[in-house]
Amino acid sequence: MMNLPDLLANLQAWIFEMIVQPAMFYLGLGEYVEDSFEGVEWFVLGVLQLIILLIVLRPLEAWIPVHPVTDRNARWNDFLYTALHRLGGFALAAFFILTPVFDAVTGFLHLEGLKPFNLEDLWPGFLMHPALLFLAYLIVLDFFDYWYHRAEHQFNWWWGLHSLHHSQRNLNLWSDNRNHLLDDLLRGIYMGVIALVIGIEPGQYVLLVMATQMLQSLQHANVRIHFGRLGEYLLVSPRYHRLHHAIGLGHEAHGKGTLGGHNFAVLFPVWDVLFGTALFSKEFVMTGIRDQLPVPEGTARDYGKGFWSQQWLGLQRMLGLDESVAKGAE
């Protein structure tokens, strides 16, 4: 009987041979055929992710929700973001864009008699086991992801982009990928550089990103789930991450208008604990951004209802051209 890995591999091969490869040659893109095979793997695993999320998390949201859904269109819009990212492979595209650059650097170092850095070389005996090496890669990537996320909350222009992610008042299992495309491109390049520097292969990177994405979908889900007194310190739970999306607490440091917040860790809360940004609470808070609230609590700022309006308003906020605050205050 065929197991799941074999089934996925056969599906990948069929899609590549019957659809992708002929299309690439027809369009005159034959030089990219080899890379496109990896892209098909990303697509197949993305479909698998969507199926798992629908089967597991969607029923949980209906069974133990934190709050009732008040804007179903916003949830469908989040699904569009998720499908675009999980099936399109933003991170994989950035990884392959960077690979030729690092190949050239590696070749230069080889000619100079220098060996490129590889995480496996730090502790070769311990990291020989695939599961331990996978965990080591995950921890290193998560450390750098923590600082990227924290920077998004530190600079006005960057928060202008990232605030789109926080503007979802109906947080749900699809909200993880509700981001500005420019911000995703920057993060994809940043994480791709880190992955290449520590010696991650493309096939490993796909699985690492997939594992991270699945956990982040759980974190954003509208479910009353936490991991217990000890577990909350080991892995970011929906309750822990929900505090990061809380109005005020999640995006302010010292009161209204001051950028900052709590719980920036993507997977492992240890980074928040070590660097003083952890906030633990038993409350399942409501989510959003303070300036979304109506006057006088906020300024009724508009973050957009649909995909394109959200992207356009994000660019305006980044450039300081968003007039929605002034209009909302009138």
C-alpha atoms as a PDB file:
ATOM      1  CA  MET A   1       0.000   0.000   0.000  1.00  0.00           C
ATOM      2  CA  MET A   2       1.353   3.419  -0.982  1.00  0.00           C
ATOM      3  CA  ASN A   3       2.205   5.686   1.974  1.00  0.00           C
ATOM      4  CA  LEU A   4       1.656   9.441   2.116  1.00  0.00           C
ATOM      5  CA  PRO A   5       5.237  10.522   1.192  1.00  0.00           C
ATOM      6  CA  ASP A   6       5.159   8.252  -1.872  1.00  0.00           C
ATOM      7  CA  LEU A   7       1.722   9.532  -2.831  1.00  0.00           C
ATOM      8  CA  LEU A   8       2.873  13.164  -2.589  1.00  0.00           C
ATOM      9  CA  ALA A   9       6.048  12.413  -4.552  1.00  0.00           C
ATOM     10  CA  ASN A  10       4.044  10.734  -7.336  1.00  0.00           C
ATOM     11  CA  LEU A  11       1.598  13.632  -7.417  1.00  0.00           C
ATOM     12  CA  GLN A  12       4.482  16.091  -7.629  1.00  0.00           C
ATOM     13  CA  ALA A  13       6.044  14.145 -10.501  1.00  0.00           C
ATOM     14  CA  TRP A  14       2.730  13.904 -12.383  1.00  0.00           C
ATOM     15  CA  ILE A  15       1.983  17.646 -12.092  1.00  0.00           C
ATOM     16  CA  PHE A  16       5.526  18.485 -13.130  1.00  0.00           C
ATOM     17  CA  GLU A  17       5.647  16.134 -16.139  1.00  0.00           C
ATOM     18  CA  MET A  18       2.119  16.732 -17.413  1.00  0.00           C
ATOM     19  CA  ILE A  19       1.638  20.440 -16.728  1.00  0.00           C
ATOM     20  CA  VAL A  20       4.616  22.430 -15.478  1.00  0.00           C
ATOM     21  CA  GLN A  21       7.457  21.107 -17.649  1.00  0.00           C
ATOM     22  CA  PRO A  22       5.587  21.446 -20.974  1.00  0.00           C
ATOM     23  CA  ALA A  23       4.443  24.940 -19.998  1.00  0.00           C
ATOM     24  CA  MET A  24       7.982  26.007 -19.072  1.00  0.00           C
ATOM     25  CA  PHE A  25       9.396  24.847 -22.421  1.00  0.00           C
ATOM     26  CA  TYR A  26       6.500  26.422 -24.325  1.00  0.00           C
ATOM     27  CA  LEU A  27       7.185  29.765 -22.627  1.00  0.00           C
ATOM     28  CA  GLY A  28      10.924  29.523 -23.326  1.00  0.00           C
ATOM     29  CA  LEU A  29      11.830  29.063 -19.664  1.00  0.00           C
ATOM     30  CA  GLY A  30      13.667  25.775 -20.023  1.00  0.00           C
ATOM     31  CA  GLU A  31      16.628  26.958 -17.947  1.00  0.00           C
ATOM     32  CA  TYR A  32      14.347  27.152 -14.896  1.00  0.00           C
ATOM     33  CA  VAL A  33      12.779  23.699 -15.281  1.00  0.00           C
ATOM     34  CA  GLU A  34      14.888  22.128 -12.529  1.00  0.00           C
ATOM     35  CA  ASP A  35      13.943  24.851 -10.048  1.00  0.00           C
ATOM     36  CA  SER A  36      10.264  24.571 -11.031  1.00  0.00           C
ATOM     37  CA  PHE A  37      10.263  20.946  -9.836  1.00  0.00           C
ATOM     38  CA  GLU A  38      10.924  22.241  -6.301  1.00  0.00           C
ATOM     39  CA  GLY A  39       8.125  24.752  -6.822  1.00  0.00           C
ATOM     40  CA  VAL A  40       5.696  21.929  -7.586  1.00  0.00           C
ATOM     41  CA  GLU A  41       6.702  20.301  -4.283  1.00  0.00           C
ATOM     42  CA  TRP A  42       5.837  23.547  -2.511  1.00  0.00           C
ATOM     43  CA  PHE A  43       2.435  23.623  -4.261  1.00  0.00           C
ATOM     44  CA  VAL A  44       1.619  20.015  -3.334  1.00  0.00           C
ATOM     45  CA  LEU A  45       2.612  20.542   0.304  1.00  0.00           C
ATOM     46  CA  GLY A  46       0.606  23.789   0.321  1.00  0.00           C
ATOM     47  CA  VAL A  47      -2.526  21.929  -0.784  1.00  0.00           C
ATOM     48  CA  LEU A  48      -1.872  19.373   1.953  1.00  0.00           C
ATOM     49  CA  GLN A  49      -1.609  22.182   4.510  1.00  0.00           C
ATOM     50  CA  LEU A  50      -4.931  23.690   3.456  1.00  0.00           C
ATOM     51  CA  ILE A  51      -6.653  20.306   3.708  1.00  0.00           C
ATOM     52  CA  ILE A  52      -5.255  19.647   7.199  1.00  0.00           C
ATOM     53  CA  LEU A  53      -6.266  23.116   8.391  1.00  0.00           C
ATOM     54  CA  LEU A  54      -9.823  22.647   7.115  1.00  0.00           C
ATOM     55  CA  ILE A  55     -10.147  19.192   8.671  1.00  0.00           C
ATOM     56  CA  VAL A  56      -8.554  19.987  12.064  1.00  0.00           C
ATOM     57  CA  LEU A  57      -8.670  23.685  12.914  1.00  0.00           C
ATOM     58  CA  ARG A  58     -11.923  24.724  11.263  1.00  0.00           C
ATOM     59  CA  PRO A  59     -14.032  22.318  13.380  1.00  0.00           C
ATOM     60  CA  LEU A  60     -12.159  23.450  16.510  1.00  0.00           C
ATOM     61  CA  GLU A  61     -13.044  27.075  15.749  1.00  0.00           C
ATOM     62  CA  ALA A  62     -16.710  26.069  15.555  1.00  0.00           C
ATOM     63  CA  TRP A  63     -16.481  23.977  18.749  1.00  0.00           C
ATOM     64  CA  ILE A  64     -14.471  26.180  21.149  1.00  0.00           C
ATOM     65  CA  PRO A  65     -14.342  29.716  19.673  1.00  0.00           C
ATOM     66  CA  VAL A  66     -13.000  32.699  21.610  1.00  0.00           C
ATOM     67  CA  HIS A  67     -15.580  34.989  20.041  1.00  0.00           C
ATOM     68  CA  PRO A  68     -18.378  34.794  17.445  1.00  0.00           C
ATOM     69  CA  VAL A  69     -17.454  35.722  13.875  1.00  0.00           C
ATOM     70  CA  THR A  70     -18.750  39.227  13.152  1.00  0.00           C
ATOM     71  CA  ASP A  71     -17.199  39.692   9.701  1.00  0.00           C
ATOM     72  CA  ARG A  72     -17.240  36.580   7.526  1.00  0.00           C
ATOM     73  CA  ASN A  73     -15.962  38.509   4.507  1.00  0.00           C
ATOM     74  CA  ALA A  74     -12.809  39.403   6.455  1.00  0.00           C
ATOM     75  CA  ARG A  75     -12.234  35.714   7.165  1.00  0.00           C
ATOM     76  CA  TRP A  76     -12.639  34.815   3.491  1.00  0.00           C
ATOM     77  CA  ASN A  77     -10.202  37.594   2.619  1.00  0.00           C
ATOM     78  CA  ASP A  78      -7.685  36.029   5.034  1.00  0.00           C
ATOM     79  CA  PHE A  79      -8.168  32.700   3.251  1.00  0.00           C
ATOM     80  CA  LEU A  80      -7.146  34.421   0.000  1.00  0.00           C
ATOM     81  CA  TYR A  81      -3.887  35.511   1.657  1.00  0.00           C
ATOM     82  CA  THR A  82      -3.268  31.986   2.960  1.00  0.00           C
ATOM     83  CA  ALA A  83      -3.893  30.337  -0.413  1.00  0.00           C
ATOM     84  CA  LEU A  84      -1.624  32.877  -2.121  1.00  0.00           C
ATOM     85  CA  HIS A  85       1.259  32.257   0.292  1.00  0.00           C
ATOM     86  CA  ARG A  86       0.948  28.520   0.887  1.00  0.00           C
ATOM     87  CA  LEU A  87       0.528  27.680  -2.797  1.00  0.00           C
ATOM     88  CA  GLY A  88       2.643  30.431  -4.334  1.00  0.00           C
ATOM     89  CA  GLY A  89       5.772  29.958  -2.272  1.00  0.00           C
ATOM     90  CA  PHE A  90       6.979  33.496  -1.426  1.00  0.00           C
ATOM     91  CA  ALA A  91       9.680  32.121   0.842  1.00  0.00           C
ATOM     92  CA  LEU A  92      10.784  29.496  -1.689  1.00  0.00           C
ATOM     93  CA  ALA A  93      10.973  32.106  -4.463  1.00  0.00           C
ATOM     94  CA  ALA A  94      13.229  34.297  -2.320  1.00  0.00           C
ATOM     95  CA  PHE A  95      15.335  31.251  -1.429  1.00  0.00           C
ATOM     96  CA  PHE A  96      15.952  30.382  -5.078  1.00  0.00           C
ATOM     97  CA  ILE A  97      16.641  34.001  -5.994  1.00  0.00           C
ATOM     98  CA  LEU A  98      19.381  34.060  -3.371  1.00  0.00           C
ATOM     99  CA  THR A  99      20.832  30.608  -4.130  1.00  0.00           C
ATOM    100  CA  PRO A 100      22.858  31.688  -7.226  1.00  0.00           C
ATOM    101  CA  VAL A 101      24.379  34.542  -5.202  1.00  0.00           C
ATOM    102  CA  PHE A 102      25.467  32.196  -2.423  1.00  0.00           C
ATOM    103  CA  ASP A 103      26.726  29.632  -4.937  1.00  0.00           C
ATOM    104  CA  ALA A 104      29.003  32.318  -6.356  1.00  0.00           C
ATOM    105  CA  VAL A 105      30.198  33.286  -2.869  1.00  0.00           C
ATOM    106  CA  THR A 106      30.782  29.623  -1.978  1.00  0.00           C
ATOM    107  CA  GLY A 107      32.794  29.133  -5.167  1.00  0.00           C
ATOM    108  CA  PHE A 108      34.941  32.151  -4.362  1.00  0.00           C
ATOM    109  CA  LEU A 109      35.588  30.907  -0.810  1.00  0.00           C
ATOM    110  CA  HIS A 110      36.514  27.480  -2.171  1.00  0.00           C
ATOM    111  CA  LEU A 111      39.070  29.021  -4.503  1.00  0.00           C
ATOM    112  CA  GLU A 112      40.505  30.911  -1.533  1.00  0.00           C
ATOM    113  CA  GLY A 113      40.732  27.709   0.498  1.00  0.00           C
ATOM    114  CA  LEU A 114      37.974  28.751   2.942  1.00  0.00           C
ATOM    115  CA  LYS A 115      35.127  26.450   3.934  1.00  0.00           C
ATOM    116  CA  PRO A 116      31.626  28.024   4.142  1.00  0.00           C
ATOM    117  CA  PHE A 117      29.863  27.954   7.514  1.00  0.00           C
ATOM    118  CA  ASN A 118      27.468  25.086   8.174  1.00  0.00           C
ATOM    119  CA  LEU A 119      25.474  24.574  11.359  1.00  0.00           C
ATOM    120  CA  GLU A 120      26.134  20.823  11.274  1.00  0.00           C
ATOM    121  CA  ASP A 121      29.874  21.456  11.710  1.00  0.00           C
ATOM    122  CA  LEU A 122      29.383  23.031  15.162  1.00  0.00           C
ATOM    123  CA  TRP A 123      28.291  19.761  16.771  1.00  0.00           C
ATOM    124  CA  PRO A 124      28.618  17.039  14.118  1.00  0.00           C
ATOM    125  CA  GLY A 125      28.105  14.026  16.376  1.00  0.00           C
ATOM    126  CA  PHE A 126      24.979  15.390  18.053  1.00  0.00           C
ATOM    127  CA  LEU A 127      23.404  16.834  14.923  1.00  0.00           C
ATOM    128  CA  MET A 128      23.879  13.712  12.808  1.00  0.00           C
ATOM    129  CA  HIS A 129      20.337  12.588  13.673  1.00  0.00           C
ATOM    130  CA  PRO A 130      17.911  14.179  11.133  1.00  0.00           C
ATOM    131  CA  ALA A 131      15.300  15.065  13.780  1.00  0.00           C
ATOM    132  CA  LEU A 132      17.857  16.874  15.965  1.00  0.00           C
ATOM    133  CA  LEU A 133      19.272  18.735  12.978  1.00  0.00           C
ATOM    134  CA  PHE A 134      15.749  19.757  11.943  1.00  0.00           C
ATOM    135  CA  LEU A 135      15.058  21.075  15.462  1.00  0.00           C
ATOM    136  CA  ALA A 136      18.386  22.935  15.516  1.00  0.00           C
ATOM    137  CA  TYR A 137      17.557  24.637  12.215  1.00  0.00           C
ATOM    138  CA  LEU A 138      14.093  25.491  13.521  1.00  0.00           C
ATOM    139  CA  ILE A 139      15.507  27.099  16.691  1.00  0.00           C
ATOM    140  CA  VAL A 140      18.081  29.181  14.799  1.00  0.00           C
ATOM    141  CA  LEU A 141      15.549  30.383  12.231  1.00  0.00           C
ATOM    142  CA  ASP A 142      13.069  31.199  14.995  1.00  0.00           C
ATOM    143  CA  PHE A 143      15.677  33.289  16.853  1.00  0.00           C
ATOM    144  CA  PHE A 144      16.232  35.490  13.802  1.00  0.00           C
ATOM    145  CA  ASP A 145      12.506  35.563  13.062  1.00  0.00           C
ATOM    146  CA  TYR A 146      11.894  36.947  16.578  1.00  0.00           C
ATOM    147  CA  TRP A 147      14.151  39.932  15.857  1.00  0.00           C
ATOM    148  CA  TYR A 148      12.585  40.518  12.452  1.00  0.00           C
ATOM    149  CA  HIS A 149       9.131  40.524  14.034  1.00  0.00           C
ATOM    150  CA  ARG A 150      10.238  42.815  16.820  1.00  0.00           C
ATOM    151  CA  ALA A 151      11.713  45.258  14.279  1.00  0.00           C
ATOM    152  CA  GLU A 152       8.332  45.407  12.521  1.00  0.00           C
ATOM    153  CA  HIS A 153       6.957  46.922  15.725  1.00  0.00           C
ATOM    154  CA  GLN A 154       9.849  49.321  16.241  1.00  0.00           C
ATOM    155  CA  PHE A 155      10.005  51.536  13.133  1.00  0.00           C
ATOM    156  CA  ASN A 156       7.092  53.662  11.932  1.00  0.00           C
ATOM    157  CA  TRP A 157       7.423  52.787   8.234  1.00  0.00           C
ATOM    158  CA  TRP A 158       7.687  49.067   8.986  1.00  0.00           C
ATOM    159  CA  TRP A 159       4.741  49.145  11.363  1.00  0.00           C
ATOM    160  CA  GLY A 160       2.818  50.869   8.567  1.00  0.00           C
ATOM    161  CA  LEU A 161       3.122  47.631   6.606  1.00  0.00           C
ATOM    162  CA  HIS A 162       2.890  45.131   9.463  1.00  0.00           C
ATOM    163  CA  SER A 163      -0.149  46.815  11.029  1.00  0.00           C
ATOM    164  CA  LEU A 164      -2.246  45.217   8.278  1.00  0.00           C
ATOM    165  CA  HIS A 165      -1.621  41.878   9.999  1.00  0.00           C
ATOM    166  CA  HIS A 166      -2.826  43.269  13.336  1.00  0.00           C
ATOM    167  CA  SER A 167      -5.925  44.975  11.925  1.00  0.00           C
ATOM    168  CA  GLN A 168      -7.946  41.738  11.874  1.00  0.00           C
ATOM    169  CA  ARG A 169     -10.583  42.058  14.605  1.00  0.00           C
ATOM    170  CA  ASN A 170     -11.842  38.521  13.852  1.00  0.00           C
ATOM    171  CA  LEU A 171      -8.589  36.605  14.316  1.00  0.00           C
ATOM    172  CA  ASN A 172      -8.886  33.155  12.701  1.00  0.00           C
ATOM    173  CA  LEU A 173      -6.903  30.190  11.375  1.00  0.00           C
ATOM    174  CA  TRP A 174      -6.253  31.992   8.052  1.00  0.00           C
ATOM    175  CA  SER A 175      -4.964  35.231   9.635  1.00  0.00           C
ATOM    176  CA  ASP A 176      -1.302  34.187   9.790  1.00  0.00           C
ATOM    177  CA  ASN A 177      -0.720  35.146   6.143  1.00  0.00           C
ATOM    178  CA  ARG A 178      -2.705  38.393   6.248  1.00  0.00           C
ATOM    179  CA  ASN A 179       0.372  40.520   5.555  1.00  0.00           C
ATOM    180  CA  HIS A 180       1.510  43.213   3.185  1.00  0.00           C
ATOM    181  CA  LEU A 181       3.217  41.666   0.153  1.00  0.00           C
ATOM    182  CA  LEU A 182       6.201  44.005   0.456  1.00  0.00           C
ATOM    183  CA  ASP A 183       6.714  42.977   4.079  1.00  0.00           C
ATOM    184  CA  ASP A 184       6.475  39.302   3.075  1.00  0.00           C
ATOM    185  CA  LEU A 185       9.061  39.825   0.344  1.00  0.00           C
ATOM    186  CA  LEU A 186      11.451  41.450   2.818  1.00  0.00           C
ATOM    187  CA  ARG A 187      10.959  38.649   5.328  1.00  0.00           C
ATOM    188  CA  GLY A 188      11.334  35.980   2.649  1.00  0.00           C
ATOM    189  CA  ILE A 189      14.693  37.402   1.565  1.00  0.00           C
ATOM    190  CA  TYR A 190      15.837  37.845   5.181  1.00  0.00           C
ATOM    191  CA  MET A 191      14.925  34.296   6.205  1.00  0.00           C
ATOM    192  CA  GLY A 192      16.315  32.910   2.948  1.00  0.00           C
ATOM    193  CA  VAL A 193      19.677  34.538   3.672  1.00  0.00           C
ATOM    194  CA  ILE A 194      19.729  33.045   7.177  1.00  0.00           C
ATOM    195  CA  ALA A 195      18.818  29.605   5.825  1.00  0.00           C
ATOM    196  CA  LEU A 196      21.562  29.673   3.204  1.00  0.00           C
ATOM    197  CA  VAL A 197      24.174  30.959   5.644  1.00  0.00           C
ATOM    198  CA  ILE A 198      23.620  28.063   8.059  1.00  0.00           C
ATOM    199  CA  GLY A 199      23.636  25.484   5.259  1.00  0.00           C
ATOM    200  CA  ILE A 200      19.970  24.532   4.851  1.00  0.00           C
ATOM    201  CA  GLU A 201      19.169  22.671   1.633  1.00  0.00           C
ATOM    202  CA  PRO A 202      16.081  23.685  -0.433  1.00  0.00           C
ATOM    203  CA  GLY A 203      14.222  20.461   0.406  1.00  0.00           C
ATOM    204  CA  GLN A 204      14.845  20.967   4.130  1.00  0.00           C
ATOM    205  CA  TYR A 205      13.809  24.613   3.912  1.00  0.00           C
ATOM    206  CA  VAL A 206      10.420  23.714   2.424  1.00  0.00           C
ATOM    207  CA  LEU A 207       9.682  21.402   5.373  1.00  0.00           C
ATOM    208  CA  LEU A 208      10.956  23.918   7.944  1.00  0.00           C
ATOM    209  CA  VAL A 209       8.729  26.662   6.538  1.00  0.00           C
ATOM    210  CA  MET A 210       5.777  24.283   6.379  1.00  0.00           C
ATOM    211  CA  ALA A 211       6.195  23.276  10.033  1.00  0.00           C
ATOM    212  CA  THR A 212       6.407  26.936  11.057  1.00  0.00           C
ATOM    213  CA  GLN A 213       3.339  27.869   9.010  1.00  0.00           C
ATOM    214  CA  MET A 214       1.197  25.092  10.471  1.00  0.00           C
ATOM    215  CA  LEU A 215       2.064  26.138  14.015  1.00  0.00           C
ATOM    216  CA  GLN A 216       1.350  29.772  13.193  1.00  0.00           C
ATOM    217  CA  SER A 217      -2.056  28.851  11.784  1.00  0.00           C
ATOM    218  CA  LEU A 218      -2.869  27.241  15.136  1.00  0.00           C
ATOM    219  CA  GLN A 219      -1.610  30.336  16.993  1.00  0.00           C
ATOM    220  CA  HIS A 220      -3.977  32.618  15.075  1.00  0.00           C
ATOM    221  CA  ALA A 221      -6.995  30.319  15.224  1.00  0.00           C
ATOM    222  CA  ASN A 222     -10.154  31.463  16.991  1.00  0.00           C
ATOM    223  CA  VAL A 223      -9.903  28.702  19.603  1.00  0.00           C
ATOM    224  CA  ARG A 224      -9.775  28.611  23.396  1.00  0.00           C
ATOM    225  CA  ILE A 225      -6.553  26.613  23.592  1.00  0.00           C
ATOM    226  CA  HIS A 226      -3.481  26.962  25.780  1.00  0.00           C
ATOM    227  CA  PHE A 227      -0.617  24.599  26.612  1.00  0.00           C
ATOM    228  CA  GLY A 228      -0.705  24.618  30.400  1.00  0.00           C
ATOM    229  CA  ARG A 229       1.576  26.199  32.993  1.00  0.00           C
ATOM    230  CA  LEU A 230       4.774  24.644  31.590  1.00  0.00           C
ATOM    231  CA  GLY A 231       3.760  24.325  27.944  1.00  0.00           C
ATOM    232  CA  GLU A 232       3.124  28.060  27.613  1.00  0.00           C
ATOM    233  CA  TYR A 233       6.861  28.591  28.151  1.00  0.00           C
ATOM    234  CA  LEU A 234       7.853  25.949  25.592  1.00  0.00           C
ATOM    235  CA  LEU A 235       5.721  26.707  22.544  1.00  0.00           C
ATOM    236  CA  VAL A 236       3.662  29.726  21.467  1.00  0.00           C
ATOM    237  CA  SER A 237       0.001  28.882  22.044  1.00  0.00           C
ATOM    238  CA  PRO A 238      -3.148  30.544  20.642  1.00  0.00           C
ATOM    239  CA  ARG A 239      -3.699  32.257  23.998  1.00  0.00           C
ATOM    240  CA  TYR A 240      -0.108  33.501  24.237  1.00  0.00           C
ATOM    241  CA  HIS A 241      -0.053  34.828  20.674  1.00  0.00           C
ATOM    242  CA  ARG A 242      -3.499  36.360  21.043  1.00  0.00           C
ATOM    243  CA  LEU A 243      -2.011  38.736  23.617  1.00  0.00           C
ATOM    244  CA  HIS A 244       0.379  39.908  20.893  1.00  0.00           C
ATOM    245  CA  HIS A 245      -2.700  40.863  18.849  1.00  0.00           C
ATOM    246  CA  ALA A 246      -4.456  42.526  21.791  1.00  0.00           C
ATOM    247  CA  ILE A 247      -5.605  46.113  21.370  1.00  0.00           C
ATOM    248  CA  GLY A 248      -2.913  48.255  23.027  1.00  0.00           C
ATOM    249  CA  LEU A 249      -0.922  45.482  24.725  1.00  0.00           C
ATOM    250  CA  GLY A 250       0.185  43.878  21.506  1.00  0.00           C
ATOM    251  CA  HIS A 251       1.523  46.930  19.695  1.00  0.00           C
ATOM    252  CA  GLU A 252       2.248  49.593  22.303  1.00  0.00           C
ATOM    253  CA  ALA A 253       5.146  49.891  24.730  1.00  0.00           C
ATOM    254  CA  HIS A 254       4.436  52.788  27.064  1.00  0.00           C
ATOM    255  CA  GLY A 255       0.929  53.963  26.338  1.00  0.00           C
ATOM    256  CA  LYS A 256      -0.931  55.264  23.333  1.00  0.00           C
ATOM    257  CA  GLY A 257       1.057  55.998  20.205  1.00  0.00           C
ATOM    258  CA  THR A 258       4.329  54.383  21.331  1.00  0.00           C
ATOM    259  CA  LEU A 259       5.446  51.468  19.203  1.00  0.00           C
ATOM    260  CA  GLY A 260       6.429  48.233  20.945  1.00  0.00           C
ATOM    261  CA  GLY A 261       4.350  45.480  22.501  1.00  0.00           C
ATOM    262  CA  HIS A 262       4.742  41.955  23.824  1.00  0.00           C
ATOM    263  CA  ASN A 263       5.017  38.313  22.745  1.00  0.00           C
ATOM    264  CA  PHE A 264       6.991  38.682  19.508  1.00  0.00           C
ATOM    265  CA  ALA A 265       8.184  35.059  19.522  1.00  0.00           C
ATOM    266  CA  VAL A 266       7.094  33.138  16.446  1.00  0.00           C
ATOM    267  CA  LEU A 267       7.453  29.588  17.810  1.00  0.00           C
ATOM    268  CA  PHE A 268       9.386  29.526  21.075  1.00  0.00           C
ATOM    269  CA  PRO A 269       8.472  31.937  23.937  1.00  0.00           C
ATOM    270  CA  VAL A 270      11.998  31.603  25.337  1.00  0.00           C
ATOM    271  CA  TRP A 271      13.097  34.580  23.191  1.00  0.00           C
ATOM    272  CA  ASP A 272      10.446  36.811  24.779  1.00  0.00           C
ATOM    273  CA  VAL A 273      11.481  35.591  28.226  1.00  0.00           C
ATOM    274  CA  LEU A 274      15.187  36.175  27.583  1.00  0.00           C
ATOM    275  CA  PHE A 275      14.748  39.631  26.068  1.00  0.00           C
ATOM    276  CA  GLY A 276      12.034  40.963  28.366  1.00  0.00           C
ATOM    277  CA  THR A 277       9.030  41.030  26.026  1.00  0.00           C
ATOM    278  CA  ALA A 278       7.017  38.106  27.441  1.00  0.00           C
ATOM    279  CA  LEU A 279       3.518  38.632  28.808  1.00  0.00           C
ATOM    280  CA  PHE A 280       1.598  35.672  30.227  1.00  0.00           C
ATOM    281  CA  SER A 281      -2.100  35.897  30.998  1.00  0.00           C
ATOM    282  CA  LYS A 282      -5.024  33.506  31.375  1.00  0.00           C
ATOM    283  CA  GLU A 283      -7.292  35.897  29.468  1.00  0.00           C
ATOM    284  CA  PHE A 284      -8.350  35.393  25.850  1.00  0.00           C
ATOM    285  CA  VAL A 285      -8.327  39.012  24.708  1.00  0.00           C
ATOM    286  CA  MET A 286     -10.036  40.787  21.830  1.00  0.00           C
ATOM    287  CA  THR A 287      -7.785  41.734  18.956  1.00  0.00           C
ATOM    288  CA  GLY A 288      -7.073  44.724  16.732  1.00  0.00           C
ATOM    289  CA  ILE A 289      -5.305  48.089  16.788  1.00  0.00           C
ATOM    290  CA  ARG A 290      -6.229  50.994  19.053  1.00  0.00           C
ATOM    291  CA  ASP A 291      -6.654  53.523  16.249  1.00  0.00           C
ATOM    292  CA  GLN A 292      -9.286  51.270  14.619  1.00  0.00           C
ATOM    293  CA  LEU A 293     -11.656  52.033  17.478  1.00  0.00           C
ATOM    294  CA  PRO A 294     -14.270  54.744  16.971  1.00  0.00           C
ATOM    295  CA  VAL A 295     -13.786  58.251  18.311  1.00  0.00           C
ATOM    296  CA  PRO A 296     -13.011  59.095  21.130  1.00  0.00           C
ATOM    297  CA  GLU A 297     -11.281  55.766  22.019  1.00  0.00           C
ATOM    298  CA  GLY A 298      -9.509  55.711  18.659  1.00  0.00           C
ATOM    299  CA  THR A 299      -9.555  57.509  15.332  1.00  0.00           C
ATOM    300  CA  ALA A 300     -11.623  55.029  13.281  1.00  0.00           C
ATOM    301  CA  ARG A 301      -8.663  54.403  10.992  1.00  0.00           C
ATOM    302  CA  ASP A 302      -9.481  52.423   7.870  1.00  0.00           C
ATOM    303  CA  TYR A 303      -7.233  49.440   7.116  1.00  0.00           C
ATOM    304  CA  GLY A 304      -9.217  48.295   4.097  1.00  0.00           C
ATOM    305  CA  LYS A 305     -11.826  45.604   3.522  1.00  0.00           C
ATOM    306  CA  GLY A 306     -10.475  43.795   0.473  1.00  0.00           C
ATOM    307  CA  PHE A 307      -7.076  42.549  -0.638  1.00  0.00           C
ATOM    308  CA  TRP A 308      -6.124  45.421  -2.931  1.00  0.00           C
ATOM    309  CA  SER A 309      -7.417  48.183  -0.661  1.00  0.00           C
ATOM    310  CA  GLN A 310      -5.438  46.682   2.240  1.00  0.00           C
ATOM    311  CA  GLN A 311      -2.285  46.570   0.139  1.00  0.00           C
ATOM    312  CA  TRP A 312      -2.730  50.153  -1.093  1.00  0.00           C
ATOM    313  CA  LEU A 313      -3.468  51.578   2.354  1.00  0.00           C
ATOM    314  CA  GLY A 314      -0.428  49.722   3.727  1.00  0.00           C
ATOM    315  CA  LEU A 315       1.832  51.510   1.237  1.00  0.00           C
ATOM    316  CA  GLN A 316       0.261  54.827   2.184  1.00  0.00           C
ATOM    317  CA  ARG A 317       0.862  54.184   5.881  1.00  0.00           C
ATOM    318  CA  MET A 318       4.466  53.217   5.153  1.00  0.00           C
ATOM    319  CA  LEU A 319       5.007  56.517   3.323  1.00  0.00           C
ATOM    320  CA  GLY A 320       3.049  58.571   5.872  1.00  0.00           C
ATOM    321  CA  LEU A 321       0.375  59.455   3.298  1.00  0.00           C
ATOM    322  CA  ASP A 322      -2.616  57.725   4.920  1.00  0.00           C
ATOM    323  CA  GLU A 323      -5.290  60.359   5.537  1.00  0.00           C
ATOM    324  CA  SER A 324      -7.834  57.949   7.018  1.00  0.00           C
ATOM    325  CA  VAL A 325      -6.975  58.970  10.604  1.00  0.00           C
ATOM    326  CA  ALA A 326      -7.737  62.597   9.943  1.00  0.00           C
ATOM    327  CA  LYS A 327     -10.930  61.705   8.113  1.00  0.00           C
ATOM    328  CA  GLY A 328     -12.030  59.389  10.875  1.00  0.00           C
ATOM    329  CA  ALA A 329     -11.476  62.075  13.499  1.00  0.00           C
ATOM    330  CA  GLU A 330     -13.600  64.664  11.702  1.00  0.00           C
END
